PDB file of N, CA and C in Angstrom:
ATOM      1  N   MET A   1     102.785  95.552 118.923  1.00  0.00           N
ATOM      2  CA  MET A   1     102.712  96.752 119.730  1.00  0.00           C
ATOM      3  C   MET A   1     101.275  96.941 120.206  1.00  0.00           C
ATOM      4  N   PRO A   2     101.084  97.221 121.465  1.00  0.00           N
ATOM      5  CA  PRO A   2      99.724  97.395 121.970  1.00  0.00           C
ATOM      6  C   PRO A   2      99.071  98.653 121.413  1.00  0.00           C
ATOM      7  N   VAL A   3      97.770  98.599 121.338  1.00  0.00           N
ATOM      8  CA  VAL A   3      97.006  99.739 120.843  1.00  0.00           C
ATOM      9  C   VAL A   3      96.927 100.776 121.955  1.00  0.00           C
ATOM     10  N   GLY A   4      97.194 102.004 121.630  1.00  0.00           N
ATOM     11  CA  GLY A   4      97.109 103.063 122.618  1.00  0.00           C
ATOM     12  C   GLY A   4      97.859 104.302 122.178  1.00  0.00           C
ATOM     13  N   THR A   5      97.828 105.290 123.011  1.00  0.00           N
ATOM     14  CA  THR A   5      98.475 106.546 122.730  1.00  0.00           C
ATOM     15  C   THR A   5      99.873 106.544 123.322  1.00  0.00           C
ATOM     16  N   LYS A   6     100.815 107.083 122.585  1.00  0.00           N
ATOM     17  CA  LYS A   6     102.177 107.165 123.081  1.00  0.00           C
ATOM     18  C   LYS A   6     102.188 107.994 124.365  1.00  0.00           C
ATOM     19  N   GLY A   7     102.830 107.490 125.387  1.00  0.00           N
ATOM     20  CA  GLY A   7     102.880 108.189 126.664  1.00  0.00           C
ATOM     21  C   GLY A   7     101.810 107.739 127.637  1.00  0.00           C
ATOM     22  N   LEU A   8     100.933 106.845 127.212  1.00  0.00           N
ATOM     23  CA  LEU A   8      99.882 106.379 128.105  1.00  0.00           C
ATOM     24  C   LEU A   8      99.965 104.870 128.341  1.00  0.00           C
ATOM     25  N   PHE A   9     101.170 104.344 128.339  1.00  0.00           N
ATOM     26  CA  PHE A   9     101.355 102.942 128.664  1.00  0.00           C
ATOM     27  C   PHE A   9     101.523 102.821 130.178  1.00  0.00           C
ATOM     28  N   PRO A  10     101.293 101.655 130.757  1.00  0.00           N
ATOM     29  CA  PRO A  10     101.344 101.510 132.215  1.00  0.00           C
ATOM     30  C   PRO A  10     102.625 102.033 132.859  1.00  0.00           C
ATOM     31  N   ASP A  11     103.770 101.837 132.220  1.00  0.00           N
ATOM     32  CA  ASP A  11     105.017 102.353 132.795  1.00  0.00           C
ATOM     33  C   ASP A  11     104.996 103.877 132.875  1.00  0.00           C
ATOM     34  N   ASP A  12     104.433 104.511 131.869  1.00  0.00           N
ATOM     35  CA  ASP A  12     104.355 105.969 131.851  1.00  0.00           C
ATOM     36  C   ASP A  12     103.316 106.470 132.855  1.00  0.00           C
ATOM     37  N   LEU A  13     102.206 105.759 132.977  1.00  0.00           N
ATOM     38  CA  LEU A  13     101.151 106.171 133.911  1.00  0.00           C
ATOM     39  C   LEU A  13     101.580 106.003 135.357  1.00  0.00           C
ATOM     40  N   ASP A  14     102.459 105.049 135.625  1.00  0.00           N
ATOM     41  CA  ASP A  14     102.950 104.856 136.988  1.00  0.00           C
ATOM     42  C   ASP A  14     103.715 106.070 137.491  1.00  0.00           C
ATOM     43  N   LYS A  15     104.299 106.824 136.594  1.00  0.00           N
ATOM     44  CA  LYS A  15     105.107 107.981 136.965  1.00  0.00           C
ATOM     45  C   LYS A  15     104.259 109.210 137.281  1.00  0.00           C
ATOM     46  N   LEU A  16     102.963 109.160 136.963  1.00  0.00           N
ATOM     47  CA  LEU A  16     102.071 110.304 137.178  1.00  0.00           C
ATOM     48  C   LEU A  16     101.487 110.282 138.588  1.00  0.00           C
ATOM     49  N   THR A  17     101.267 111.466 139.135  1.00  0.00           N
ATOM     50  CA  THR A  17     100.585 111.563 140.425  1.00  0.00           C
ATOM     51  C   THR A  17      99.092 111.341 140.200  1.00  0.00           C
ATOM     52  N   ASP A  18      98.354 111.245 141.292  1.00  0.00           N
ATOM     53  CA  ASP A  18      96.911 111.026 141.175  1.00  0.00           C
ATOM     54  C   ASP A  18      96.220 112.188 140.460  1.00  0.00           C
ATOM     55  N   ALA A  19      96.668 113.410 140.730  1.00  0.00           N
ATOM     56  CA  ALA A  19      96.066 114.581 140.081  1.00  0.00           C
ATOM     57  C   ALA A  19      96.358 114.577 138.581  1.00  0.00           C
ATOM     58  N   GLU A  20      97.571 114.223 138.214  1.00  0.00           N
ATOM     59  CA  GLU A  20      97.927 114.169 136.794  1.00  0.00           C
ATOM     60  C   GLU A  20      97.174 113.040 136.092  1.00  0.00           C
ATOM     61  N   LEU A  21      96.971 111.943 136.800  1.00  0.00           N
ATOM     62  CA  LEU A  21      96.214 110.820 136.251  1.00  0.00           C
ATOM     63  C   LEU A  21      94.763 111.237 135.993  1.00  0.00           C
ATOM     64  N   ALA A  22      94.184 111.982 136.931  1.00  0.00           N
ATOM     65  CA  ALA A  22      92.813 112.471 136.757  1.00  0.00           C
ATOM     66  C   ALA A  22      92.729 113.434 135.573  1.00  0.00           C
ATOM     67  N   GLU A  23      93.748 114.252 135.397  1.00  0.00           N
ATOM     68  CA  GLU A  23      93.775 115.189 134.268  1.00  0.00           C
ATOM     69  C   GLU A  23      93.881 114.440 132.940  1.00  0.00           C
ATOM     70  N   GLN A  24      94.696 113.390 132.892  1.00  0.00           N
ATOM     71  CA  GLN A  24      94.806 112.566 131.686  1.00  0.00           C
ATOM     72  C   GLN A  24      93.465 111.913 131.362  1.00  0.00           C
ATOM     73  N   LEU A  25      92.773 111.427 132.399  1.00  0.00           N
ATOM     74  CA  LEU A  25      91.464 110.807 132.203  1.00  0.00           C
ATOM     75  C   LEU A  25      90.478 111.815 131.617  1.00  0.00           C
ATOM     76  N   LYS A  26      90.499 113.012 132.145  1.00  0.00           N
ATOM     77  CA  LYS A  26      89.612 114.070 131.652  1.00  0.00           C
ATOM     78  C   LYS A  26      89.896 114.366 130.178  1.00  0.00           C
ATOM     79  N   ASN A  27      91.168 114.455 129.823  1.00  0.00           N
ATOM     80  CA  ASN A  27      91.551 114.732 128.434  1.00  0.00           C
ATOM     81  C   ASN A  27      91.131 113.595 127.506  1.00  0.00           C
ATOM     82  N   CYS A  28      91.323 112.359 127.947  1.00  0.00           N
ATOM     83  CA  CYS A  28      90.954 111.207 127.117  1.00  0.00           C
ATOM     84  C   CYS A  28      89.444 111.135 126.913  1.00  0.00           C
ATOM     85  N   LYS A  29      88.684 111.422 127.959  1.00  0.00           N
ATOM     86  CA  LYS A  29      87.231 111.397 127.830  1.00  0.00           C
ATOM     87  C   LYS A  29      86.745 112.490 126.880  1.00  0.00           C
ATOM     88  N   ALA A  30      87.376 113.653 126.924  1.00  0.00           N
ATOM     89  CA  ALA A  30      87.013 114.734 126.014  1.00  0.00           C
ATOM     90  C   ALA A  30      87.347 114.342 124.569  1.00  0.00           C
ATOM     91  N   GLU A  31      88.503 113.706 124.383  1.00  0.00           N
ATOM     92  CA  GLU A  31      88.876 113.265 123.038  1.00  0.00           C
ATOM     93  C   GLU A  31      87.913 112.198 122.527  1.00  0.00           C
ATOM     94  N   LEU A  32      87.516 111.267 123.398  1.00  0.00           N
ATOM     95  CA  LEU A  32      86.576 110.228 123.000  1.00  0.00           C
ATOM     96  C   LEU A  32      85.236 110.833 122.600  1.00  0.00           C
ATOM     97  N   PHE A  33      84.781 111.825 123.343  1.00  0.00           N
ATOM     98  CA  PHE A  33      83.532 112.502 122.993  1.00  0.00           C
ATOM     99  C   PHE A  33      83.630 113.117 121.602  1.00  0.00           C
ATOM    100  N   ASN A  34      84.742 113.807 121.350  1.00  0.00           N
ATOM    101  CA  ASN A  34      84.920 114.448 120.038  1.00  0.00           C
ATOM    102  C   ASN A  34      85.010 113.416 118.925  1.00  0.00           C
ATOM    103  N   LEU A  35      85.671 112.300 119.181  1.00  0.00           N
ATOM    104  CA  LEU A  35      85.768 111.250 118.174  1.00  0.00           C
ATOM    105  C   LEU A  35      84.402 110.634 117.886  1.00  0.00           C
ATOM    106  N   ARG A  36      83.619 110.406 118.923  1.00  0.00           N
ATOM    107  CA  ARG A  36      82.277 109.847 118.728  1.00  0.00           C
ATOM    108  C   ARG A  36      81.402 110.820 117.950  1.00  0.00           C
ATOM    109  N   PHE A  37      81.537 112.091 118.248  1.00  0.00           N
ATOM    110  CA  PHE A  37      80.764 113.109 117.537  1.00  0.00           C
ATOM    111  C   PHE A  37      81.151 113.123 116.064  1.00  0.00           C
ATOM    112  N   SER A  38      82.443 113.047 115.792  1.00  0.00           N
ATOM    113  CA  SER A  38      82.919 113.015 114.405  1.00  0.00           C
ATOM    114  C   SER A  38      82.427 111.766 113.679  1.00  0.00           C
ATOM    115  N   ALA A  39      82.423 110.643 114.391  1.00  0.00           N
ATOM    116  CA  ALA A  39      81.959 109.395 113.781  1.00  0.00           C
ATOM    117  C   ALA A  39      80.470 109.480 113.450  1.00  0.00           C
ATOM    118  N   ALA A  40      79.703 110.100 114.324  1.00  0.00           N
ATOM    119  CA  ALA A  40      78.264 110.204 114.109  1.00  0.00           C
ATOM    120  C   ALA A  40      77.932 111.105 112.927  1.00  0.00           C
ATOM    121  N   THR A  41      78.768 112.099 112.693  1.00  0.00           N
ATOM    122  CA  THR A  41      78.517 113.021 111.581  1.00  0.00           C
ATOM    123  C   THR A  41      79.214 112.585 110.298  1.00  0.00           C
ATOM    124  N   GLY A  42      79.936 111.469 110.358  1.00  0.00           N
ATOM    125  CA  GLY A  42      80.587 110.940 109.169  1.00  0.00           C
ATOM    126  C   GLY A  42      81.894 111.617 108.816  1.00  0.00           C
ATOM    127  N   GLN A  43      82.493 112.332 109.737  1.00  0.00           N
ATOM    128  CA  GLN A  43      83.724 113.068 109.457  1.00  0.00           C
ATOM    129  C   GLN A  43      84.969 112.384 110.020  1.00  0.00           C
ATOM    130  N   LEU A  44      84.809 111.249 110.673  1.00  0.00           N
ATOM    131  CA  LEU A  44      85.949 110.573 111.292  1.00  0.00           C
ATOM    132  C   LEU A  44      86.764 109.853 110.224  1.00  0.00           C
ATOM    133  N   GLU A  45      88.064 110.110 110.210  1.00  0.00           N
ATOM    134  CA  GLU A  45      88.942 109.485 109.227  1.00  0.00           C
ATOM    135  C   GLU A  45      89.669 108.278 109.798  1.00  0.00           C
ATOM    136  N   ASP A  46      90.048 108.335 111.066  1.00  0.00           N
ATOM    137  CA  ASP A  46      90.822 107.264 111.681  1.00  0.00           C
ATOM    138  C   ASP A  46      89.956 106.532 112.705  1.00  0.00           C
ATOM    139  N   HIS A  47      89.289 105.468 112.270  1.00  0.00           N
ATOM    140  CA  HIS A  47      88.384 104.737 113.147  1.00  0.00           C
ATOM    141  C   HIS A  47      89.131 103.959 114.213  1.00  0.00           C
ATOM    142  N   GLY A  48      90.375 103.635 113.986  1.00  0.00           N
ATOM    143  CA  GLY A  48      91.178 102.931 114.980  1.00  0.00           C
ATOM    144  C   GLY A  48      91.467 103.781 116.194  1.00  0.00           C
ATOM    145  N   ARG A  49      91.373 105.081 116.036  1.00  0.00           N
ATOM    146  CA  ARG A  49      91.628 105.988 117.158  1.00  0.00           C
ATOM    147  C   ARG A  49      90.580 105.811 118.252  1.00  0.00           C
ATOM    148  N   LEU A  50      89.347 105.484 117.894  1.00  0.00           N
ATOM    149  CA  LEU A  50      88.307 105.233 118.894  1.00  0.00           C
ATOM    150  C   LEU A  50      88.722 104.107 119.827  1.00  0.00           C
ATOM    151  N   LYS A  51      89.200 103.019 119.255  1.00  0.00           N
ATOM    152  CA  LYS A  51      89.629 101.866 120.042  1.00  0.00           C
ATOM    153  C   LYS A  51      90.815 102.238 120.928  1.00  0.00           C
ATOM    154  N   ALA A  52      91.759 102.997 120.387  1.00  0.00           N
ATOM    155  CA  ALA A  52      92.949 103.379 121.139  1.00  0.00           C
ATOM    156  C   ALA A  52      92.583 104.242 122.349  1.00  0.00           C
ATOM    157  N   VAL A  53      91.691 105.193 122.160  1.00  0.00           N
ATOM    158  CA  VAL A  53      91.318 106.091 123.260  1.00  0.00           C
ATOM    159  C   VAL A  53      90.520 105.335 124.317  1.00  0.00           C
ATOM    160  N   ARG A  54      89.641 104.416 123.900  1.00  0.00           N
ATOM    161  CA  ARG A  54      88.903 103.608 124.880  1.00  0.00           C
ATOM    162  C   ARG A  54      89.865 102.778 125.723  1.00  0.00           C
ATOM    163  N   ARG A  55      90.877 102.226 125.101  1.00  0.00           N
ATOM    164  CA  ARG A  55      91.860 101.432 125.844  1.00  0.00           C
ATOM    165  C   ARG A  55      92.703 102.307 126.761  1.00  0.00           C
ATOM    166  N   ASP A  56      93.001 103.527 126.332  1.00  0.00           N
ATOM    167  CA  ASP A  56      93.732 104.458 127.194  1.00  0.00           C
ATOM    168  C   ASP A  56      92.933 104.761 128.455  1.00  0.00           C
ATOM    169  N   ILE A  57      91.637 104.987 128.286  1.00  0.00           N
ATOM    170  CA  ILE A  57      90.766 105.262 129.432  1.00  0.00           C
ATOM    171  C   ILE A  57      90.739 104.055 130.370  1.00  0.00           C
ATOM    172  N   ALA A  58      90.655 102.861 129.810  1.00  0.00           N
ATOM    173  CA  ALA A  58      90.648 101.651 130.624  1.00  0.00           C
ATOM    174  C   ALA A  58      91.960 101.504 131.387  1.00  0.00           C
ATOM    175  N   ARG A  59      93.079 101.818 130.747  1.00  0.00           N
ATOM    176  CA  ARG A  59      94.376 101.752 131.430  1.00  0.00           C
ATOM    177  C   ARG A  59      94.428 102.708 132.608  1.00  0.00           C
ATOM    178  N   ILE A  60      93.930 103.923 132.405  1.00  0.00           N
ATOM    179  CA  ILE A  60      93.954 104.922 133.471  1.00  0.00           C
ATOM    180  C   ILE A  60      93.090 104.461 134.640  1.00  0.00           C
ATOM    181  N   TYR A  61      91.891 103.951 134.340  1.00  0.00           N
ATOM    182  CA  TYR A  61      91.026 103.444 135.400  1.00  0.00           C
ATOM    183  C   TYR A  61      91.682 102.280 136.150  1.00  0.00           C
ATOM    184  N   THR A  62      92.380 101.414 135.433  1.00  0.00           N
ATOM    185  CA  THR A  62      93.034 100.269 136.052  1.00  0.00           C
ATOM    186  C   THR A  62      94.133 100.730 136.991  1.00  0.00           C
ATOM    187  N   ILE A  63      94.962 101.660 136.565  1.00  0.00           N
ATOM    188  CA  ILE A  63      96.042 102.170 137.409  1.00  0.00           C
ATOM    189  C   ILE A  63      95.453 102.830 138.654  1.00  0.00           C
ATOM    190  N   ALA A  64      94.414 103.627 138.478  1.00  0.00           N
ATOM    191  CA  ALA A  64      93.790 104.307 139.619  1.00  0.00           C
ATOM    192  C   ALA A  64      93.210 103.302 140.609  1.00  0.00           C
ATOM    193  N   HIS A  65      92.558 102.261 140.109  1.00  0.00           N
ATOM    194  CA  HIS A  65      91.959 101.253 140.991  1.00  0.00           C
ATOM    195  C   HIS A  65      93.041 100.450 141.712  1.00  0.00           C
ATOM    196  N   GLU A  66      94.108 100.131 141.026  1.00  0.00           N
ATOM    197  CA  GLU A  66      95.200  99.401 141.669  1.00  0.00           C
ATOM    198  C   GLU A  66      95.856 100.241 142.756  1.00  0.00           C
ATOM    199  N   ARG A  67      95.902 101.548 142.561  1.00  0.00           N
ATOM    200  CA  ARG A  67      96.432 102.420 143.612  1.00  0.00           C
ATOM    201  C   ARG A  67      95.513 102.438 144.821  1.00  0.00           C
ATOM    202  N   GLU A  68      94.208 102.407 144.600  1.00  0.00           N
ATOM    203  CA  GLU A  68      93.254 102.354 145.710  1.00  0.00           C
ATOM    204  C   GLU A  68      93.424 101.076 146.522  1.00  0.00           C
ATOM    205  N   LEU A  69      93.739  99.980 145.829  1.00  0.00           N
ATOM    206  CA  LEU A  69      93.907  98.680 146.490  1.00  0.00           C
ATOM    207  C   LEU A  69      95.330  98.456 147.000  1.00  0.00           C
ATOM    208  N   ASN A  70      96.182  99.465 146.863  1.00  0.00           N
ATOM    209  CA  ASN A  70      97.586  99.405 147.273  1.00  0.00           C
ATOM    210  C   ASN A  70      98.375  98.338 146.538  1.00  0.00           C
ATOM    211  N   ILE A  71      97.977  98.028 145.313  1.00  0.00           N
ATOM    212  CA  ILE A  71      98.740  97.120 144.472  1.00  0.00           C
ATOM    213  C   ILE A  71      99.879  97.902 143.821  1.00  0.00           C
ATOM    214  N   ARG A  72      99.580  99.113 143.427  1.00  0.00           N
ATOM    215  CA  ARG A  72     100.578 100.045 142.890  1.00  0.00           C
ATOM    216  C   ARG A  72     100.644 101.226 143.820  1.00  0.00           C
ATOM    217  N   THR A  73     101.761 101.912 143.777  1.00  0.00           N
ATOM    218  CA  THR A  73     101.884 103.106 144.592  1.00  0.00           C
ATOM    219  C   THR A  73     102.098 104.316 143.699  1.00  0.00           C
ATOM    220  N   ALA A  74     101.550 105.432 144.118  1.00  0.00           N
ATOM    221  CA  ALA A  74     101.725 106.679 143.384  1.00  0.00           C
ATOM    222  C   ALA A  74     103.123 107.217 143.688  1.00  0.00           C
ATOM    223  N   PRO A  75     103.718 107.952 142.763  1.00  0.00           N
ATOM    224  CA  PRO A  75     105.036 108.518 143.027  1.00  0.00           C
ATOM    225  C   PRO A  75     104.961 109.549 144.158  1.00  0.00           C
ATOM    226  N   ALA A  76     106.059 109.745 144.842  1.00  0.00           N
ATOM    227  CA  ALA A  76     106.101 110.712 145.941  1.00  0.00           C
ATOM    228  C   ALA A  76     105.888 112.107 145.395  1.00  0.00           C
ATOM    229  N   GLU A  77     105.184 112.920 146.157  1.00  0.00           N
ATOM    230  CA  GLU A  77     104.947 114.302 145.760  1.00  0.00           C
ATOM    231  C   GLU A  77     106.259 115.064 145.757  1.00  0.00           C
ATOM    232  N   LYS A  78     106.386 115.986 144.818  1.00  0.00           N
ATOM    233  CA  LYS A  78     107.624 116.751 144.692  1.00  0.00           C
ATOM    234  C   LYS A  78     107.677 117.902 145.653  1.00  0.00           C
TER     235      LYS A  78
END
């Protein structure tokens, strides 16, 4: 099973609009900041979560870039 957060796999990200994708990116970056802060203060219990969140951010950036290059298409607006 790939490392990552449930709901943030490429199939799930394809279903999100560009605005929702940007919101997910913002949330992941905030979580990564908090995890790094916890790690620096010695309070982090799940070190694997750092790797998972970094990969989630990379997935989001990849989907966004592929949409810019018209490799993937965003879902139609509702």
